[in-house]
Protein backbone atom coordinates (compact mmCIF):
# COMPACT_ATOMS: atom_id res chain seq x y z
CA MET A 1 0.14 -7.64 -107.05
CA THR A 2 -2.02 -4.56 -107.06
CA ALA A 3 -5.52 -4.19 -108.38
CA ASP A 4 -4.14 -2.26 -111.33
CA ASP A 5 -1.77 -5.14 -112.08
CA SER A 6 -4.61 -7.63 -111.92
CA PHE A 7 -6.86 -5.48 -114.22
CA GLY A 8 -4.28 -5.50 -116.89
CA ARG A 9 -4.00 -9.34 -116.89
CA LEU A 10 -7.61 -9.94 -117.50
CA ASP A 11 -6.91 -10.62 -121.23
CA ASP A 12 -4.30 -13.28 -120.23
CA ASP A 13 -5.69 -16.73 -120.85
CA ASP A 14 -3.57 -18.12 -118.06
CA TYR A 15 -4.48 -15.56 -115.43
CA PRO A 16 -6.48 -17.31 -112.63
CA ALA A 17 -9.42 -14.78 -112.55
CA TYR A 18 -12.31 -17.10 -111.69
CA THR A 19 -13.35 -18.44 -108.35
CA MET A 20 -14.56 -22.08 -108.20
CA GLY A 21 -18.16 -20.93 -107.73
CA ARG A 22 -17.96 -18.66 -110.77
CA ALA A 23 -16.19 -21.23 -112.85
CA ALA A 24 -18.90 -23.79 -112.10
CA GLU A 25 -21.59 -21.36 -112.88
CA MET A 26 -20.03 -20.42 -116.23
CA LEU A 27 -19.56 -24.03 -117.20
CA ASN A 28 -23.07 -24.94 -115.94
CA THR A 29 -21.57 -27.68 -113.81
CA THR A 30 -20.94 -28.34 -110.17
CA GLN A 31 -17.99 -27.50 -107.99
CA GLY A 32 -17.69 -31.26 -107.33
CA PHE A 33 -17.00 -31.72 -111.09
CA LEU A 34 -14.20 -29.24 -110.91
CA ARG A 35 -12.79 -30.89 -107.88
CA ALA A 36 -13.06 -34.37 -109.70
CA ILE A 37 -11.11 -33.16 -112.78
CA GLY A 38 -8.60 -31.47 -110.42
CA GLU A 39 -8.11 -34.80 -108.53
CA ALA A 40 -7.78 -36.57 -111.93
CA ARG A 41 -4.98 -34.07 -112.57
CA LEU A 42 -6.60 -32.66 -115.77
CA ILE A 43 -6.29 -29.13 -114.42
CA THR A 44 -4.48 -27.79 -111.38
CA PRO A 45 -6.18 -24.52 -110.21
CA LEU A 46 -3.97 -21.98 -108.61
CA ARG A 47 -4.79 -20.99 -104.96
CA SER A 48 -5.41 -17.58 -103.65
CA ALA A 49 -3.72 -16.34 -100.59
CA GLY A 50 -6.70 -17.59 -98.62
CA GLY A 51 -6.40 -21.10 -100.19
CA HIS A 52 -9.38 -20.83 -102.58
CA ARG A 53 -9.17 -22.39 -106.07
CA ARG A 54 -8.86 -19.91 -108.93
CA TYR A 55 -9.23 -20.97 -112.57
CA SER A 56 -7.92 -19.29 -115.88
CA ARG A 57 -9.89 -19.16 -119.04
CA TYR A 58 -7.55 -21.73 -120.49
CA GLN A 59 -8.45 -24.17 -117.67
CA LEU A 60 -12.15 -23.34 -118.17
CA ARG A 61 -11.92 -24.37 -121.78
CA ILE A 62 -10.31 -27.67 -120.78
CA ALA A 63 -12.95 -28.23 -118.10
CA ALA A 64 -15.72 -27.48 -120.60
CA ARG A 65 -14.38 -30.06 -123.05
CA ALA A 66 -14.12 -32.59 -120.23
CA ARG A 67 -17.68 -31.91 -119.30
CA GLU A 68 -18.86 -32.59 -122.80
CA LEU A 69 -17.03 -35.90 -122.79
CA VAL A 70 -18.41 -36.91 -119.38
CA ASP A 71 -21.88 -35.93 -120.34
CA ALA A 72 -21.55 -38.20 -123.36
CA GLY A 73 -20.77 -41.12 -121.01
CA THR A 74 -16.92 -41.08 -121.02
CA PRO A 75 -15.43 -41.83 -117.60
CA VAL A 76 -13.42 -38.90 -116.14
CA GLU A 77 -10.08 -40.64 -116.39
CA ALA A 78 -10.73 -41.41 -120.13
CA ALA A 79 -11.91 -37.78 -120.70
CA ARG A 80 -8.73 -36.60 -119.08
CA ARG A 81 -6.59 -38.61 -121.47
CA ILE A 82 -8.69 -37.46 -124.47
CA VAL A 83 -8.47 -33.79 -123.51
CA ILE A 84 -4.71 -34.03 -122.99
CA LEU A 85 -4.18 -35.71 -126.36
CA GLU A 86 -6.42 -33.15 -128.12
CA ASP A 87 -4.43 -30.32 -126.39
CA GLN A 88 -1.09 -31.84 -127.53
CA LEU A 89 -2.39 -32.29 -131.09
CA GLU A 90 -3.47 -28.64 -131.18
CA GLU A 91 -0.06 -27.54 -130.06
CA ALA A 92 1.66 -29.80 -132.58
CA ARG A 93 -0.47 -28.30 -135.34
CA ARG A 94 0.35 -24.78 -134.15
CA ILE A 95 4.05 -25.49 -134.19
CA ASN A 96 3.82 -27.17 -137.61
CA ALA A 97 1.98 -24.24 -139.09
CA GLU A 98 4.57 -21.87 -137.63
CA TYR A 99 7.34 -23.93 -139.09
CA HIS A 100 5.79 -23.99 -142.54
CA ARG A 101 5.07 -20.24 -142.32
CA THR A 102 8.68 -19.52 -141.64
CA ALA A 103 10.45 -22.26 -143.65
CA LYS A 104 12.33 -21.35 -146.79
CA PRO A 105 10.55 -22.12 -150.16
CA ALA A 106 11.57 -25.50 -151.70
CA GLY A 107 13.49 -23.90 -154.53
CA SER A 108 15.77 -21.78 -152.33
CA PRO A 109 19.52 -22.70 -152.01
CA LEU A 110 19.12 -23.23 -148.27
CA ALA A 111 16.22 -25.67 -148.43
CA SER A 112 17.18 -29.38 -148.22
């Protein structure tokens, strides 16, 4: 991937653009916390060619939510479960909204 390719992906929520140090700074947390939620399998950062952890904006949002829960006294493992369930619920709501947006009206002949 060239620098031009990378620049074009900066708007991609899943592009691993942030180093561990930058991610920790942005979240106002420690690198140890990021390692802990990685070990808990909440997020799995991608690795650069040199083996350094790289995080996407999507992963940073998950880490920020986990940080909120841990700061409120929730154990990391419980925070992991909560964040995963919240993420699944959001995806189900998105799918449901898309279904309702594209479904035929109740009075149409194809509706059951």
